[in-house]
Amino acid sequence: MKIEGDFTQDELDGLQNDLSDFLCWVHGFNAGCQVGDASGYPFDVEMMRRLNLALKRQLHELQTTKP
């Protein structure tokens, strides 16, 4: 996954932090659900994890190529 857009490093950093917080909440929510009852689970968590990792990679690239 490649992220393209007109984001500042601070905006990407904030988005990545917020997404990490959200994924922590989802983990706790899922832990509280009845085993086998996936009907109330939030949307595709794996896709959100991939997005979070892509944000981290993009931030790392920005930080390591900064003049």
Protein backbone atom coordinates (compact mmCIF):
# COMPACT_ATOMS: atom_id res chain seq x y z
CA MET A 1 0.00 0.00 0.00
CA LYS A 2 1.40 3.37 -0.98
CA ILE A 3 0.06 6.59 0.45
CA GLU A 4 -0.01 9.62 -1.80
CA GLY A 5 -1.40 13.01 -1.02
CA ASP A 6 -0.64 16.47 0.20
CA PHE A 7 -0.07 15.73 3.88
CA THR A 8 2.41 17.39 6.16
CA GLN A 9 4.58 15.18 8.32
CA ASP A 10 2.65 16.38 11.38
CA GLU A 11 -0.67 15.44 9.75
CA LEU A 12 0.60 11.96 8.88
CA ASP A 13 2.00 11.53 12.38
CA GLY A 14 -1.31 12.58 13.96
CA LEU A 15 -3.31 10.29 11.68
CA GLN A 16 -1.03 7.35 12.41
CA ASN A 17 -1.29 7.95 16.17
CA ASP A 18 -5.08 8.22 15.99
CA LEU A 19 -5.28 5.04 13.93
CA SER A 20 -3.12 3.21 16.49
CA ASP A 21 -5.47 4.35 19.27
CA PHE A 22 -8.47 3.20 17.24
CA LEU A 23 -6.94 -0.24 16.65
CA CYS A 24 -6.29 -0.58 20.39
CA TRP A 25 -9.95 0.22 21.05
CA VAL A 26 -11.05 -2.35 18.44
CA HIS A 27 -8.88 -5.00 20.10
CA GLY A 28 -10.56 -4.33 23.46
CA PHE A 29 -14.02 -4.23 21.85
CA ASN A 30 -13.44 -7.56 20.14
CA ALA A 31 -12.16 -9.08 23.37
CA GLY A 32 -15.43 -8.13 25.07
CA CYS A 33 -17.62 -9.69 22.38
CA GLN A 34 -19.13 -13.14 22.73
CA VAL A 35 -16.96 -15.81 21.13
CA GLY A 36 -18.32 -16.61 17.69
CA ASP A 37 -20.49 -13.48 17.49
CA ALA A 38 -18.75 -11.50 14.76
CA SER A 39 -21.88 -9.58 13.79
CA GLY A 40 -20.98 -6.57 15.94
CA TYR A 41 -17.29 -6.44 15.10
CA PRO A 42 -16.03 -3.24 13.52
CA PHE A 43 -15.17 -3.23 9.82
CA ASP A 44 -12.10 -4.83 8.28
CA VAL A 45 -9.51 -4.50 11.04
CA GLU A 46 -6.80 -6.12 8.91
CA MET A 47 -7.21 -3.38 6.28
CA MET A 48 -6.86 -0.74 9.00
CA ARG A 49 -3.69 -2.46 10.24
CA ARG A 50 -2.25 -2.40 6.71
CA LEU A 51 -3.08 1.30 6.44
CA ASN A 52 -1.43 1.95 9.80
CA LEU A 53 1.73 0.14 8.69
CA ALA A 54 1.76 2.09 5.42
CA LEU A 55 1.53 5.34 7.39
CA LYS A 56 4.43 4.25 9.59
CA ARG A 57 6.53 3.40 6.52
CA GLN A 58 5.74 6.75 4.91
CA LEU A 59 6.66 8.60 8.10
CA HIS A 60 9.89 6.64 8.37
CA GLU A 61 10.78 7.56 4.77
CA LEU A 62 10.07 11.22 5.48
CA GLN A 63 12.21 11.18 8.61
CA THR A 64 15.15 9.36 7.04
CA THR A 65 15.24 11.46 3.84
CA LYS A 66 14.83 14.80 5.61
CA PRO A 67 17.70 17.19 4.71
